[in-house]
Amino acid sequence: MAQFEADLADENANDDEVAEEKPTKQGGEEAWLKSDRDYAYDELLDRVFNILKQNNPELAGEKKKYTIVPPSIHREGNKKTIFANVAEISKRLHRPAEHVIQFLFAELGTTGSIDGSQRLIIKGHL
């Protein structure tokens, strides 16, 4: 039994030494390919992101953000709501105004129309 425990302790000591090794570059080829040790999750995750950055540098940069002006919404009477700048917002979203309007109607569960000055008139008190 003592021999078994000694072998087990030696095996655990070897596992700790192997787990602390970090792969290094050797002649342009990474040591990952030449080792059969078990790698930690963080090491593999870092490796994946480094390879992604090398192969696709545009993914590593900042993405372009869209800025949208706040919606200009006013009440008209008791039963109507006016969305005055729907055309400007749809232009900044690069979507047809009709598409944005249909989305709003579906989400709000109501109907409406566009008046002569390109304002959206929504039926209901929102």
N, C-alpha and C. Protein backbone atom coordinates (compact mmCIF):
# COMPACT_ATOMS: atom_id res chain seq x y z
N MET A 1 0.82 -1.19 0.00
CA MET A 1 0.00 0.00 0.00
C MET A 1 0.87 1.26 0.00
N ALA A 2 1.95 1.24 0.72
CA ALA A 2 2.84 2.39 0.79
C ALA A 2 3.44 2.68 -0.58
N GLN A 3 3.76 1.61 -1.31
CA GLN A 3 4.32 1.79 -2.66
C GLN A 3 3.29 2.46 -3.58
N PHE A 4 2.02 2.05 -3.47
CA PHE A 4 0.96 2.65 -4.28
C PHE A 4 0.81 4.14 -3.98
N GLU A 5 0.81 4.51 -2.70
CA GLU A 5 0.69 5.91 -2.32
C GLU A 5 1.88 6.73 -2.80
N ALA A 6 3.06 6.14 -2.77
CA ALA A 6 4.26 6.85 -3.26
C ALA A 6 4.16 7.08 -4.76
N ASP A 7 3.70 6.05 -5.50
CA ASP A 7 3.53 6.19 -6.95
C ASP A 7 2.48 7.25 -7.27
N LEU A 8 1.41 7.26 -6.51
CA LEU A 8 0.35 8.24 -6.71
C LEU A 8 0.85 9.66 -6.44
N ALA A 9 1.63 9.85 -5.41
CA ALA A 9 2.20 11.17 -5.10
C ALA A 9 3.13 11.62 -6.21
N ASP A 10 3.96 10.69 -6.73
CA ASP A 10 4.86 11.03 -7.85
C ASP A 10 4.06 11.43 -9.08
N GLU A 11 2.99 10.71 -9.34
CA GLU A 11 2.14 11.00 -10.51
C GLU A 11 1.50 12.38 -10.38
N ASN A 12 1.00 12.72 -9.19
CA ASN A 12 0.40 14.04 -8.97
C ASN A 12 1.43 15.15 -9.11
N ALA A 13 2.64 14.92 -8.65
CA ALA A 13 3.70 15.93 -8.79
C ALA A 13 4.02 16.15 -10.26
N ASN A 14 4.04 15.10 -11.06
CA ASN A 14 4.31 15.23 -12.50
C ASN A 14 3.19 15.98 -13.19
N ASP A 15 1.94 15.76 -12.76
CA ASP A 15 0.81 16.47 -13.37
C ASP A 15 0.91 17.97 -13.13
N ASP A 16 1.32 18.37 -11.92
CA ASP A 16 1.45 19.79 -11.62
C ASP A 16 2.53 20.44 -12.46
N GLU A 17 3.64 19.74 -12.67
CA GLU A 17 4.72 20.28 -13.48
C GLU A 17 4.29 20.46 -14.93
N VAL A 18 3.56 19.49 -15.46
CA VAL A 18 3.12 19.55 -16.86
C VAL A 18 2.08 20.65 -17.04
N ALA A 19 1.20 20.84 -16.07
CA ALA A 19 0.14 21.84 -16.20
C ALA A 19 0.69 23.25 -16.20
N GLU A 20 1.87 23.47 -15.60
CA GLU A 20 2.43 24.81 -15.55
C GLU A 20 3.19 25.19 -16.81
N GLU A 21 3.47 24.24 -17.70
CA GLU A 21 4.19 24.55 -18.94
C GLU A 21 3.34 25.43 -19.83
N LYS A 22 3.95 26.41 -20.45
CA LYS A 22 3.27 27.26 -21.42
C LYS A 22 3.87 26.97 -22.79
N PRO A 23 3.05 26.88 -23.82
CA PRO A 23 3.58 26.65 -25.15
C PRO A 23 4.35 27.88 -25.63
N THR A 24 5.43 27.63 -26.33
CA THR A 24 6.23 28.72 -26.88
C THR A 24 6.35 28.52 -28.38
N LYS A 25 6.63 29.61 -29.06
CA LYS A 25 6.80 29.53 -30.51
C LYS A 25 8.17 28.95 -30.81
N GLN A 26 8.22 28.03 -31.73
CA GLN A 26 9.47 27.42 -32.13
C GLN A 26 9.56 27.46 -33.64
N GLY A 27 10.35 28.38 -34.17
CA GLY A 27 10.55 28.45 -35.61
C GLY A 27 9.27 28.74 -36.38
N GLY A 28 8.38 29.58 -35.86
CA GLY A 28 7.16 29.92 -36.57
C GLY A 28 6.03 28.93 -36.35
N GLU A 29 6.34 27.80 -35.76
CA GLU A 29 5.30 26.80 -35.50
C GLU A 29 5.12 26.70 -33.99
N GLU A 30 3.92 26.70 -33.55
CA GLU A 30 3.67 26.71 -32.12
C GLU A 30 3.91 25.34 -31.50
N ALA A 31 4.28 25.37 -30.24
CA ALA A 31 4.54 24.14 -29.52
C ALA A 31 3.25 23.37 -29.24
N TRP A 32 2.11 24.00 -29.50
CA TRP A 32 0.82 23.33 -29.29
C TRP A 32 0.76 22.03 -30.07
N LEU A 33 1.31 22.06 -31.24
CA LEU A 33 1.20 20.91 -32.13
C LEU A 33 2.10 19.76 -31.70
N LYS A 34 3.13 20.05 -30.92
CA LYS A 34 4.10 19.02 -30.57
C LYS A 34 3.91 18.49 -29.15
N SER A 35 2.91 18.94 -28.46
CA SER A 35 2.69 18.52 -27.08
C SER A 35 1.39 17.75 -26.98
N ASP A 36 1.38 16.78 -26.07
CA ASP A 36 0.16 16.00 -25.86
C ASP A 36 -0.41 16.22 -24.46
N ARG A 37 -0.01 17.33 -23.82
CA ARG A 37 -0.52 17.59 -22.47
C ARG A 37 -1.94 18.14 -22.54
N ASP A 38 -2.63 18.11 -21.42
CA ASP A 38 -3.96 18.69 -21.32
C ASP A 38 -3.82 20.19 -21.08
N TYR A 39 -4.54 20.97 -21.86
CA TYR A 39 -4.46 22.42 -21.76
C TYR A 39 -5.64 22.94 -20.96
N ALA A 40 -5.40 24.03 -20.26
CA ALA A 40 -6.46 24.67 -19.49
C ALA A 40 -7.40 25.39 -20.45
N TYR A 41 -8.62 25.56 -20.02
CA TYR A 41 -9.64 26.21 -20.85
C TYR A 41 -9.21 27.62 -21.24
N ASP A 42 -8.66 28.37 -20.28
CA ASP A 42 -8.25 29.75 -20.55
C ASP A 42 -7.15 29.82 -21.60
N GLU A 43 -6.22 28.86 -21.57
CA GLU A 43 -5.16 28.83 -22.57
C GLU A 43 -5.74 28.62 -23.97
N LEU A 44 -6.65 27.66 -24.07
CA LEU A 44 -7.24 27.37 -25.37
C LEU A 44 -8.09 28.53 -25.86
N LEU A 45 -8.81 29.17 -24.96
CA LEU A 45 -9.63 30.31 -25.34
C LEU A 45 -8.76 31.46 -25.84
N ASP A 46 -7.66 31.73 -25.13
CA ASP A 46 -6.72 32.76 -25.58
C ASP A 46 -6.15 32.42 -26.94
N ARG A 47 -5.84 31.16 -27.15
CA ARG A 47 -5.29 30.73 -28.44
C ARG A 47 -6.29 30.96 -29.57
N VAL A 48 -7.55 30.63 -29.34
CA VAL A 48 -8.57 30.84 -30.37
C VAL A 48 -8.70 32.31 -30.71
N PHE A 49 -8.75 33.17 -29.70
CA PHE A 49 -8.90 34.61 -29.97
C PHE A 49 -7.66 35.18 -30.66
N ASN A 50 -6.48 34.70 -30.30
CA ASN A 50 -5.27 35.17 -30.98
C ASN A 50 -5.26 34.77 -32.45
N ILE A 51 -5.69 33.55 -32.74
CA ILE A 51 -5.75 33.10 -34.13
C ILE A 51 -6.79 33.90 -34.90
N LEU A 52 -7.95 34.17 -34.27
CA LEU A 52 -8.97 35.00 -34.92
C LEU A 52 -8.45 36.39 -35.24
N LYS A 53 -7.73 36.99 -34.30
CA LYS A 53 -7.18 38.33 -34.54
C LYS A 53 -6.15 38.33 -35.65
N GLN A 54 -5.35 37.26 -35.74
CA GLN A 54 -4.34 37.18 -36.79
C GLN A 54 -4.99 37.01 -38.16
N ASN A 55 -5.99 36.16 -38.24
CA ASN A 55 -6.62 35.86 -39.53
C ASN A 55 -7.66 36.89 -39.95
N ASN A 56 -8.32 37.54 -39.00
CA ASN A 56 -9.37 38.52 -39.29
C ASN A 56 -9.17 39.76 -38.44
N PRO A 57 -8.24 40.63 -38.79
CA PRO A 57 -7.99 41.80 -37.95
C PRO A 57 -9.19 42.74 -37.86
N GLU A 58 -10.10 42.72 -38.84
CA GLU A 58 -11.26 43.60 -38.78
C GLU A 58 -12.22 43.20 -37.67
N LEU A 59 -12.17 41.94 -37.22
CA LEU A 59 -13.02 41.51 -36.12
C LEU A 59 -12.51 42.02 -34.77
N ALA A 60 -11.24 42.33 -34.69
CA ALA A 60 -10.65 42.75 -33.43
C ALA A 60 -10.89 44.23 -33.15
N GLY A 61 -11.20 45.02 -34.17
CA GLY A 61 -11.35 46.46 -33.99
C GLY A 61 -12.71 46.84 -33.45
N GLU A 62 -12.87 48.12 -33.27
CA GLU A 62 -14.14 48.65 -32.79
C GLU A 62 -15.16 48.63 -33.91
N LYS A 63 -16.38 48.29 -33.56
CA LYS A 63 -17.45 48.31 -34.55
C LYS A 63 -18.03 49.71 -34.65
N LYS A 64 -18.52 50.03 -35.84
CA LYS A 64 -19.14 51.33 -36.06
C LYS A 64 -20.49 51.35 -35.33
N LYS A 65 -20.74 52.43 -34.61
CA LYS A 65 -21.98 52.56 -33.87
C LYS A 65 -22.90 53.54 -34.58
N TYR A 66 -24.16 53.23 -34.57
CA TYR A 66 -25.16 54.13 -35.13
C TYR A 66 -25.69 55.02 -34.02
N THR A 67 -25.81 56.29 -34.32
CA THR A 67 -26.43 57.20 -33.36
C THR A 67 -27.77 57.64 -33.93
N ILE A 68 -28.76 57.56 -33.11
CA ILE A 68 -30.12 57.90 -33.52
C ILE A 68 -30.60 59.05 -32.65
N VAL A 69 -31.23 60.01 -33.28
CA VAL A 69 -31.81 61.10 -32.51
C VAL A 69 -32.98 60.56 -31.69
N PRO A 70 -33.24 61.14 -30.55
CA PRO A 70 -34.39 60.67 -29.76
C PRO A 70 -35.69 60.91 -30.52
N PRO A 71 -36.64 60.00 -30.39
CA PRO A 71 -37.90 60.19 -31.09
C PRO A 71 -38.65 61.41 -30.55
N SER A 72 -39.23 62.14 -31.48
CA SER A 72 -40.02 63.31 -31.12
C SER A 72 -41.48 62.90 -31.12
N ILE A 73 -42.03 62.69 -29.93
CA ILE A 73 -43.39 62.17 -29.80
C ILE A 73 -44.24 63.19 -29.04
N HIS A 74 -45.41 63.47 -29.61
CA HIS A 74 -46.33 64.45 -29.01
C HIS A 74 -47.74 63.88 -29.01
N ARG A 75 -48.54 64.34 -28.05
CA ARG A 75 -49.95 63.96 -28.03
C ARG A 75 -50.75 64.97 -28.83
N GLU A 76 -51.71 64.44 -29.54
CA GLU A 76 -52.65 65.33 -30.24
C GLU A 76 -54.06 64.89 -29.85
N GLY A 77 -54.67 65.64 -29.02
CA GLY A 77 -56.00 65.27 -28.54
C GLY A 77 -55.90 64.14 -27.53
N ASN A 78 -57.04 63.43 -27.38
CA ASN A 78 -57.10 62.34 -26.41
C ASN A 78 -56.78 60.98 -27.01
N LYS A 79 -56.89 60.86 -28.33
CA LYS A 79 -56.79 59.53 -28.92
C LYS A 79 -55.70 59.39 -29.97
N LYS A 80 -54.83 60.36 -30.13
CA LYS A 80 -53.79 60.28 -31.14
C LYS A 80 -52.43 60.64 -30.55
N THR A 81 -51.40 59.98 -31.08
CA THR A 81 -50.02 60.28 -30.72
C THR A 81 -49.25 60.54 -32.01
N ILE A 82 -48.43 61.58 -32.03
CA ILE A 82 -47.67 61.97 -33.22
C ILE A 82 -46.21 61.61 -33.01
N PHE A 83 -45.66 60.87 -33.96
CA PHE A 83 -44.24 60.53 -33.99
C PHE A 83 -43.65 61.36 -35.13
N ALA A 84 -43.05 62.51 -34.78
CA ALA A 84 -42.70 63.52 -35.77
C ALA A 84 -41.47 63.19 -36.61
N ASN A 85 -40.47 62.52 -36.07
CA ASN A 85 -39.24 62.31 -36.83
C ASN A 85 -39.00 60.86 -37.23
N VAL A 86 -40.05 60.15 -37.58
CA VAL A 86 -39.91 58.76 -37.99
C VAL A 86 -39.11 58.63 -39.28
N ALA A 87 -39.22 59.59 -40.19
CA ALA A 87 -38.48 59.52 -41.45
C ALA A 87 -36.97 59.65 -41.21
N GLU A 88 -36.59 60.56 -40.33
CA GLU A 88 -35.16 60.74 -40.02
C GLU A 88 -34.58 59.51 -39.33
N ILE A 89 -35.33 58.93 -38.42
CA ILE A 89 -34.85 57.74 -37.71
C ILE A 89 -34.72 56.56 -38.66
N SER A 90 -35.68 56.37 -39.54
CA SER A 90 -35.58 55.25 -40.49
C SER A 90 -34.41 55.45 -41.45
N LYS A 91 -34.10 56.70 -41.80
CA LYS A 91 -32.95 56.97 -42.67
C LYS A 91 -31.65 56.60 -41.95
N ARG A 92 -31.54 56.94 -40.67
CA ARG A 92 -30.33 56.61 -39.91
C ARG A 92 -30.19 55.12 -39.65
N LEU A 93 -31.31 54.41 -39.62
CA LEU A 93 -31.27 52.95 -39.46
C LEU A 93 -31.04 52.23 -40.79
N HIS A 94 -31.02 52.99 -41.88
CA HIS A 94 -30.87 52.43 -43.23
C HIS A 94 -31.99 51.42 -43.53
N ARG A 95 -33.19 51.81 -43.19
CA ARG A 95 -34.38 50.99 -43.43
C ARG A 95 -35.43 51.86 -44.10
N PRO A 96 -36.27 51.25 -44.92
CA PRO A 96 -37.39 52.03 -45.48
C PRO A 96 -38.33 52.47 -44.36
N ALA A 97 -38.88 53.65 -44.52
CA ALA A 97 -39.78 54.19 -43.49
C ALA A 97 -40.97 53.26 -43.27
N GLU A 98 -41.47 52.67 -44.35
CA GLU A 98 -42.61 51.76 -44.23
C GLU A 98 -42.28 50.55 -43.36
N HIS A 99 -41.06 50.05 -43.48
CA HIS A 99 -40.63 48.91 -42.67
C HIS A 99 -40.62 49.29 -41.18
N VAL A 100 -40.06 50.44 -40.85
CA VAL A 100 -40.00 50.90 -39.46
C VAL A 100 -41.41 51.12 -38.92
N ILE A 101 -42.27 51.69 -39.73
CA ILE A 101 -43.65 51.96 -39.29
C ILE A 101 -44.39 50.66 -39.03
N GLN A 102 -44.25 49.69 -39.92
CA GLN A 102 -44.92 48.40 -39.71
C GLN A 102 -44.40 47.71 -38.45
N PHE A 103 -43.09 47.84 -38.20
CA PHE A 103 -42.53 47.28 -36.97
C PHE A 103 -43.16 47.94 -35.74
N LEU A 104 -43.26 49.27 -35.76
CA LEU A 104 -43.86 49.98 -34.63
C LEU A 104 -45.31 49.57 -34.42
N PHE A 105 -46.06 49.46 -35.50
CA PHE A 105 -47.46 49.05 -35.37
C PHE A 105 -47.57 47.65 -34.77
N ALA A 106 -46.70 46.74 -35.21
CA ALA A 106 -46.74 45.38 -34.69
C ALA A 106 -46.37 45.34 -33.20
N GLU A 107 -45.35 46.10 -32.82
CA GLU A 107 -44.92 46.10 -31.43
C GLU A 107 -45.91 46.82 -30.51
N LEU A 108 -46.51 47.89 -31.00
CA LEU A 108 -47.45 48.65 -30.18
C LEU A 108 -48.86 48.09 -30.22
N GLY A 109 -49.14 47.23 -31.20
CA GLY A 109 -50.47 46.65 -31.30
C GLY A 109 -51.53 47.65 -31.68
N THR A 110 -51.20 48.55 -32.59
CA THR A 110 -52.14 49.60 -32.99
C THR A 110 -51.98 49.87 -34.48
N THR A 111 -52.70 50.86 -34.97
CA THR A 111 -52.61 51.26 -36.37
C THR A 111 -52.36 52.76 -36.43
N GLY A 112 -52.19 53.25 -37.64
CA GLY A 112 -51.98 54.68 -37.81
C GLY A 112 -51.75 55.01 -39.26
N SER A 113 -51.29 56.23 -39.51
CA SER A 113 -51.04 56.68 -40.88
C SER A 113 -49.98 57.76 -40.87
N ILE A 114 -49.54 58.14 -42.08
CA ILE A 114 -48.55 59.21 -42.23
C ILE A 114 -49.26 60.42 -42.80
N ASP A 115 -49.03 61.59 -42.20
CA ASP A 115 -49.66 62.80 -42.73
C ASP A 115 -48.77 63.45 -43.79
N GLY A 116 -49.18 64.61 -44.27
CA GLY A 116 -48.48 65.28 -45.36
C GLY A 116 -47.07 65.72 -45.03
N SER A 117 -46.76 65.97 -43.79
CA SER A 117 -45.42 66.42 -43.42
C SER A 117 -44.56 65.27 -42.89
N GLN A 118 -44.84 64.05 -43.33
CA GLN A 118 -44.07 62.84 -43.00
C GLN A 118 -44.01 62.55 -41.50
N ARG A 119 -45.09 62.85 -40.80
CA ARG A 119 -45.19 62.49 -39.40
C ARG A 119 -46.08 61.27 -39.29
N LEU A 120 -45.76 60.40 -38.36
CA LEU A 120 -46.56 59.20 -38.13
C LEU A 120 -47.62 59.53 -37.09
N ILE A 121 -48.88 59.30 -37.46
CA ILE A 121 -49.99 59.52 -36.53
C ILE A 121 -50.45 58.15 -36.07
N ILE A 122 -50.28 57.89 -34.79
CA ILE A 122 -50.61 56.59 -34.21
C ILE A 122 -51.92 56.72 -33.46
N LYS A 123 -52.83 55.77 -33.74
CA LYS A 123 -54.10 55.77 -33.02
C LYS A 123 -53.87 55.19 -31.64
N GLY A 124 -54.29 55.91 -30.67
CA GLY A 124 -54.15 55.44 -29.29
C GLY A 124 -53.37 56.42 -28.45
N HIS A 125 -53.52 56.27 -27.18
CA HIS A 125 -52.90 57.15 -26.19
C HIS A 125 -51.67 56.41 -25.66
N LEU A 126 -50.50 56.70 -26.20
CA LEU A 126 -49.29 55.98 -25.80
C LEU A 126 -48.40 56.81 -24.92
